[in-house]
Protein backbone atom coordinates (compact mmCIF):
# COMPACT_ATOMS: atom_id res chain seq x y z
CA MET A 1 -147.29 306.99 195.32
CA ASN A 2 -145.60 304.38 197.54
CA VAL A 3 -143.62 301.25 196.74
CA ASP A 4 -146.62 298.99 197.43
CA GLN A 5 -148.25 300.35 194.29
CA ILE A 6 -145.43 299.21 191.99
CA ASN A 7 -146.28 296.03 190.11
CA PHE A 8 -142.97 294.15 189.95
CA HIS A 9 -144.36 291.86 187.28
CA HIS A 10 -144.75 294.93 185.07
CA LEU A 11 -141.27 296.07 186.10
CA ARG A 12 -139.80 292.77 184.92
CA TYR A 13 -141.47 293.16 181.55
CA PHE A 14 -140.07 296.69 181.30
CA TRP A 15 -136.60 295.34 182.17
CA ALA A 16 -136.86 292.72 179.42
CA VAL A 17 -137.97 295.23 176.77
CA ALA A 18 -135.23 297.67 177.80
CA GLN A 19 -132.62 294.99 177.18
CA ASP A 20 -133.96 294.19 173.70
CA GLY A 21 -135.13 297.64 172.65
CA HIS A 22 -137.89 296.00 170.65
CA LEU A 23 -141.41 295.02 171.74
CA THR A 24 -141.94 292.32 169.10
CA ARG A 25 -138.66 290.59 169.84
CA THR A 26 -139.25 290.64 173.60
CA ALA A 27 -142.83 289.40 173.25
CA ALA A 28 -141.62 286.47 171.15
CA ARG A 29 -138.86 285.66 173.64
CA LEU A 30 -141.23 285.78 176.61
CA ARG A 31 -144.03 284.07 174.67
CA VAL A 32 -146.60 286.73 175.43
CA ALA A 33 -148.78 288.78 173.11
CA GLN A 34 -147.21 292.05 172.00
CA SER A 35 -150.39 293.92 172.91
CA ALA A 36 -150.32 292.48 176.44
CA LEU A 37 -146.67 293.42 176.86
CA SER A 38 -147.31 296.96 175.63
CA SER A 39 -150.30 297.30 177.95
CA GLN A 40 -148.34 296.24 181.03
CA ILE A 41 -145.55 298.71 180.30
CA ARG A 42 -148.12 301.50 179.90
CA GLN A 43 -149.58 300.53 183.27
CA LEU A 44 -146.11 300.78 184.82
CA GLU A 45 -145.64 304.21 183.25
CA ASP A 46 -148.99 305.26 184.72
CA GLN A 47 -147.91 303.99 188.15
CA LEU A 48 -144.62 305.90 187.95
CA ALA A 49 -146.26 308.94 186.32
CA CYS A 50 -143.61 309.22 183.62
CA ALA A 51 -142.76 307.86 180.18
CA LEU A 52 -140.08 305.16 180.20
CA PHE A 53 -139.63 304.76 176.43
CA GLU A 54 -139.78 306.90 173.34
CA ARG A 55 -140.03 305.45 169.86
CA ARG A 56 -137.31 306.12 167.30
CA GLY A 57 -138.14 304.39 164.06
CA ARG A 58 -138.79 300.75 164.88
CA ARG A 59 -136.86 300.82 168.13
CA LEU A 60 -137.81 301.79 171.64
CA VAL A 61 -135.27 304.05 173.33
CA LEU A 62 -135.16 304.73 177.06
CA THR A 63 -136.08 308.18 178.28
CA GLU A 64 -134.07 309.72 181.10
CA ALA A 65 -136.62 308.34 183.57
CA GLY A 66 -136.46 304.98 181.80
CA ALA A 67 -132.69 304.82 182.22
CA ILE A 68 -133.08 305.51 185.95
CA ALA A 69 -135.80 302.86 186.24
CA LEU A 70 -133.63 300.35 184.38
CA ALA A 71 -130.72 300.88 186.78
CA TYR A 72 -132.99 300.11 189.74
CA ALA A 73 -134.60 297.16 187.95
CA GLU A 74 -131.15 295.68 187.33
CA GLN A 75 -130.38 295.89 191.06
CA ILE A 76 -133.76 294.47 192.07
CA PHE A 77 -133.68 291.44 189.79
CA SER A 78 -129.97 290.83 190.35
CA ALA A 79 -130.65 290.69 194.10
CA GLY A 80 -133.55 288.32 193.45
CA THR A 81 -131.33 286.00 191.44
CA GLU A 82 -128.73 286.06 194.21
CA LEU A 83 -131.41 285.30 196.80
CA VAL A 84 -132.65 282.22 194.93
CA ALA A 85 -129.12 280.93 194.25
CA THR A 86 -128.06 281.42 197.88
CA LEU A 87 -131.10 279.70 199.36
CA GLU A 88 -130.92 276.82 196.88
CA ARG A 89 -127.27 276.34 197.78
CA GLY A 90 -128.23 276.21 201.46
CA ARG A 91 -130.94 273.59 200.92
CA SER A 92 -128.97 271.35 198.59
CA ALA A 93 -126.31 268.81 199.48
CA GLU A 94 -124.58 269.99 196.31
CA GLN A 95 -122.52 273.17 196.15
CA PRO A 96 -123.00 274.60 192.65
CA VAL A 97 -120.29 277.03 191.58
CA ARG A 98 -120.32 278.82 188.24
CA ILE A 99 -117.09 280.23 186.84
CA GLY A 100 -116.58 282.02 183.55
CA ALA A 101 -113.19 282.31 181.86
CA VAL A 102 -112.12 284.44 178.93
CA ALA A 103 -111.87 282.08 175.96
CA THR A 104 -108.18 282.78 175.35
CA LEU A 105 -107.09 282.11 178.94
CA SER A 106 -104.63 279.27 179.59
CA ARG A 107 -106.43 275.96 180.15
CA ASN A 108 -103.68 274.91 182.57
CA PHE A 109 -104.28 278.00 184.67
CA GLN A 110 -108.02 277.38 184.69
CA GLU A 111 -107.44 273.80 185.84
CA SER A 112 -105.14 274.98 188.65
CA PHE A 113 -107.75 277.46 189.80
CA VAL A 114 -110.73 275.08 189.90
CA ARG A 115 -109.05 271.85 190.96
CA PRO A 116 -109.21 272.44 194.76
CA LEU A 117 -112.92 273.19 194.41
CA LEU A 118 -113.53 269.74 192.95
CA ALA A 119 -112.04 268.18 196.08
CA GLN A 120 -114.72 269.80 198.27
CA PRO A 121 -117.71 267.59 199.20
CA GLY A 122 -120.76 268.16 197.04
CA THR A 123 -119.12 270.52 194.57
CA ARG A 124 -120.85 270.86 191.22
CA LEU A 125 -118.73 273.02 188.95
CA ARG A 126 -119.85 274.75 185.78
CA LEU A 127 -116.89 276.24 183.90
CA GLU A 128 -117.74 278.31 180.83
CA SER A 129 -115.72 280.38 178.38
CA GLY A 130 -116.67 283.51 176.50
CA VAL A 131 -115.97 287.16 175.75
CA LEU A 132 -115.12 289.30 178.77
CA ALA A 133 -117.97 291.79 178.29
CA ASP A 134 -120.56 289.00 178.13
CA LEU A 135 -119.11 287.23 181.16
CA LEU A 136 -119.12 290.43 183.20
CA GLY A 137 -122.77 291.00 182.32
CA ARG A 138 -123.62 287.55 183.62
CA LEU A 139 -121.54 288.18 186.73
CA GLU A 140 -123.59 291.30 187.48
CA ARG A 141 -126.80 289.30 187.02
CA HIS A 142 -125.44 286.63 189.41
CA THR A 143 -125.61 283.84 186.85
CA LEU A 144 -121.84 283.50 187.31
CA ASP A 145 -120.00 283.52 190.64
CA LEU A 146 -116.58 284.57 189.33
CA VAL A 147 -114.81 285.48 186.08
CA LEU A 148 -111.18 284.69 185.24
CA SER A 149 -109.42 287.03 182.83
CA SER A 150 -105.95 288.04 181.70
CA ARG A 151 -107.08 291.66 181.58
CA ALA A 152 -108.66 293.85 184.23
CA PRO A 153 -111.99 295.41 183.26
CA GLU A 154 -112.41 299.17 183.25
CA GLN A 155 -113.13 300.62 186.67
CA ARG A 156 -116.75 301.59 187.21
CA PRO A 157 -118.02 304.30 189.53
CA ASP A 158 -120.76 302.07 190.99
CA GLY A 159 -118.20 299.66 192.49
CA VAL A 160 -120.36 296.62 191.64
CA LEU A 161 -117.41 294.59 190.33
CA HIS A 162 -114.28 293.72 192.30
CA CYS A 163 -111.11 292.81 190.42
CA ARG A 164 -108.17 291.09 192.08
CA LEU A 165 -104.76 290.31 190.55
CA ILE A 166 -104.24 286.69 191.61
CA ALA A 167 -101.12 285.71 189.64
CA ARG A 168 -98.44 287.16 187.41
CA GLN A 169 -95.97 285.15 185.34
CA GLN A 170 -93.11 286.12 183.09
CA VAL A 171 -93.59 285.32 179.41
CA SER A 172 -90.92 283.16 177.76
CA ILE A 173 -89.59 282.13 174.39
CA ILE A 174 -90.07 278.39 174.01
CA GLY A 175 -89.58 275.87 171.21
CA SER A 176 -89.57 272.20 170.30
CA ARG A 177 -85.81 272.07 169.66
CA ARG A 178 -83.26 272.46 172.43
CA ARG A 179 -81.04 275.49 171.77
CA ALA A 180 -77.92 275.89 173.86
CA GLY A 181 -76.88 279.44 174.70
CA PHE A 182 -79.95 281.18 173.30
CA ARG A 183 -79.20 284.89 172.92
CA PHE A 184 -82.01 287.34 173.45
CA PRO A 185 -82.86 289.31 171.37
CA ASP A 186 -80.25 288.41 168.73
CA ASP A 187 -81.56 284.89 168.05
CA LEU A 188 -85.05 286.25 167.40
CA ALA A 189 -83.94 288.04 164.26
CA ASP A 190 -85.88 286.62 161.29
CA ALA A 191 -86.78 283.51 163.32
CA PRO A 192 -90.25 282.09 162.55
CA MET A 193 -92.46 282.80 165.55
CA ILE A 194 -95.88 281.86 166.87
CA VAL A 195 -97.27 284.85 168.73
CA PRO A 196 -100.58 285.90 170.33
CA GLY A 197 -103.04 287.88 168.20
CA ARG A 198 -102.88 291.66 168.02
CA ALA A 199 -105.67 292.09 170.57
CA SER A 200 -103.40 290.55 173.22
CA ASP A 201 -101.57 292.77 175.70
CA ILE A 202 -98.61 290.37 175.53
CA ARG A 203 -98.38 290.87 171.77
CA ALA A 204 -98.55 294.65 172.00
CA GLU A 205 -95.81 294.79 174.63
CA PHE A 206 -93.63 292.30 172.75
CA ASP A 207 -93.93 294.27 169.49
CA ALA A 208 -92.98 297.45 171.34
CA LEU A 209 -89.98 295.70 172.93
CA CYS A 210 -88.77 294.39 169.55
CA GLU A 211 -89.11 297.84 168.04
CA ARG A 212 -87.07 299.42 170.84
CA MET A 213 -84.36 296.78 170.41
CA GLY A 214 -84.37 297.02 166.62
CA VAL A 215 -85.27 293.35 166.17
CA ARG A 216 -87.37 292.16 163.24
CA ILE A 217 -89.18 288.85 163.75
CA ARG A 218 -90.93 286.70 161.17
CA VAL A 219 -94.47 285.93 162.30
CA LEU A 220 -95.37 282.42 161.23
CA ALA A 221 -98.74 282.38 163.02
CA GLU A 222 -100.88 284.72 165.10
CA VAL A 223 -102.98 282.68 167.51
CA ASP A 224 -105.55 283.90 170.02
CA ASP A 225 -106.14 280.56 171.72
CA MET A 226 -103.36 279.47 174.07
CA ALA A 227 -104.21 275.76 173.72
CA THR A 228 -103.77 276.01 169.94
CA MET A 229 -100.53 277.91 170.40
CA ARG A 230 -99.23 275.10 172.60
CA LEU A 231 -100.01 272.52 169.90
CA LEU A 232 -98.35 274.56 167.16
CA ALA A 233 -95.27 275.11 169.29
CA ARG A 234 -95.07 271.38 169.92
CA ASP A 235 -95.57 270.32 166.30
CA THR A 236 -93.43 272.89 164.46
CA GLU A 237 -89.88 274.18 164.82
CA ALA A 238 -91.01 277.77 165.30
CA LEU A 239 -90.37 279.75 168.46
CA ALA A 240 -93.42 280.60 170.56
CA LEU A 241 -94.13 283.52 172.87
CA VAL A 242 -96.10 282.14 175.84
CA PRO A 243 -96.34 282.20 179.64
CA THR A 244 -94.77 278.97 180.89
CA VAL A 245 -97.99 277.95 182.68
CA VAL A 246 -99.49 277.35 179.23
CA VAL A 247 -96.88 274.70 178.39
CA ARG A 248 -95.80 273.49 181.82
CA ASP A 249 -96.60 269.82 181.08
CA GLU A 250 -94.60 269.91 177.83
CA LEU A 251 -91.67 271.64 179.56
CA ARG A 252 -91.68 269.00 182.27
CA ASP A 253 -91.66 266.03 179.87
CA GLY A 254 -89.16 267.60 177.47
CA THR A 255 -91.52 268.02 174.51
CA LEU A 256 -90.85 271.76 174.63
CA HIS A 257 -87.88 273.75 175.91
CA GLN A 258 -87.69 277.16 177.54
CA HIS A 259 -85.05 279.25 175.78
CA CYS A 260 -85.29 282.43 177.84
CA PRO A 261 -87.72 284.67 179.72
CA VAL A 262 -88.59 287.91 177.94
CA PRO A 263 -87.38 290.85 180.05
CA GLY A 264 -90.21 292.87 181.57
CA LEU A 265 -92.99 290.92 179.83
CA PHE A 266 -95.63 289.30 182.05
CA GLU A 267 -98.99 287.59 181.71
CA THR A 268 -101.46 288.66 184.38
CA PHE A 269 -104.37 286.66 185.77
CA TYR A 270 -107.36 288.38 187.37
CA ALA A 271 -110.32 287.09 189.37
CA ILE A 272 -113.40 289.29 189.06
CA THR A 273 -116.37 289.02 191.40
CA ALA A 274 -119.58 290.99 191.90
CA GLU A 275 -120.74 292.66 195.09
CA ARG A 276 -122.75 290.09 197.03
CA MET A 277 -124.53 290.04 200.35
CA PHE A 278 -123.62 286.37 200.81
CA PRO A 279 -120.20 285.53 199.28
CA HIS A 280 -119.92 282.03 197.84
CA PRO A 281 -117.80 279.88 200.23
CA LEU A 282 -116.09 278.00 197.39
CA ILE A 283 -115.11 281.24 195.71
CA GLN A 284 -113.61 282.44 198.97
CA LEU A 285 -111.67 279.17 199.18
CA ALA A 286 -110.34 279.55 195.63
CA LEU A 287 -109.23 283.13 196.24
CA ALA A 288 -107.40 282.23 199.44
CA ARG A 289 -104.51 280.54 197.59
CA ASP A 290 -101.30 282.31 196.67
CA GLU A 291 -99.65 282.84 193.29
CA ASP A 292 -97.21 279.94 193.65
CA ALA A 293 -100.06 277.47 194.16
CA LEU A 294 -101.96 278.79 191.14
CA LEU A 295 -98.95 278.52 188.83
CA SER A 296 -97.49 275.31 190.25
CA ASP A 297 -97.35 272.12 188.18
CA ASP A 298 -97.54 270.05 191.37
CA PRO A 299 -101.13 268.77 191.85
CA ARG A 300 -100.62 268.89 195.62
CA ASP A 301 -100.44 272.69 195.39
CA ARG A 302 -103.65 273.13 193.41
């Protein structure tokens, strides 16, 4: 058998079923008859001379050969998506750029990252938020050009994803009331605090620091979303544990006050890209800036 005998239309149907694990569901999504879908997958199995699925109950599970075929199908259709996006970008006066950001990431940081792109002629930005795993899946399929995250993804042996630390900022204790001579950690004892949720790396490191120092804090609120944390810090008298980039506008206008940086505690910002034959020029522009520009509150630096 040679590659000319492979029906890539059948391969795409196989790829779709492998993602769902269910013929009926895939047929409904693709708006084709289940019998036609099943027939085309059987034809692909005949072409490849091996079974790609085995049935377990009501689900279809990949065989070893099916898992290998799926890995190649992912590469083939990912490259096809990249090809279409690259050529469309070349033909259009617009420069579409698609960026995903983890939902909990600072809105101020996101603005700093994308603002220079908006100044480029023809830019059409799509900025979306979501869960890191979902965003990385879309990045691999080339439906996103870059993902912003406060956490680096696990390293993968295939080297498809590239992760770059683009900024690092010390986390601070801030509040709505000015406090002269704030003493860390003494003034944290039994103080009401707004802190990130337990899934946050900042929270885990802060809890460990408090335990080492023998400090007990009173958690008033656990908040995953940094924008909500900023509002609660502004509208209550509680102390908040945040990177200053989250509240830089409020610090500048005096709505909030920085009491002290937390020793050894940092928020990290990562840019994650996928291996591409033709890197997006706007993404290259965004990644060319240094940490100071990304964290600056001066629009001229963004």
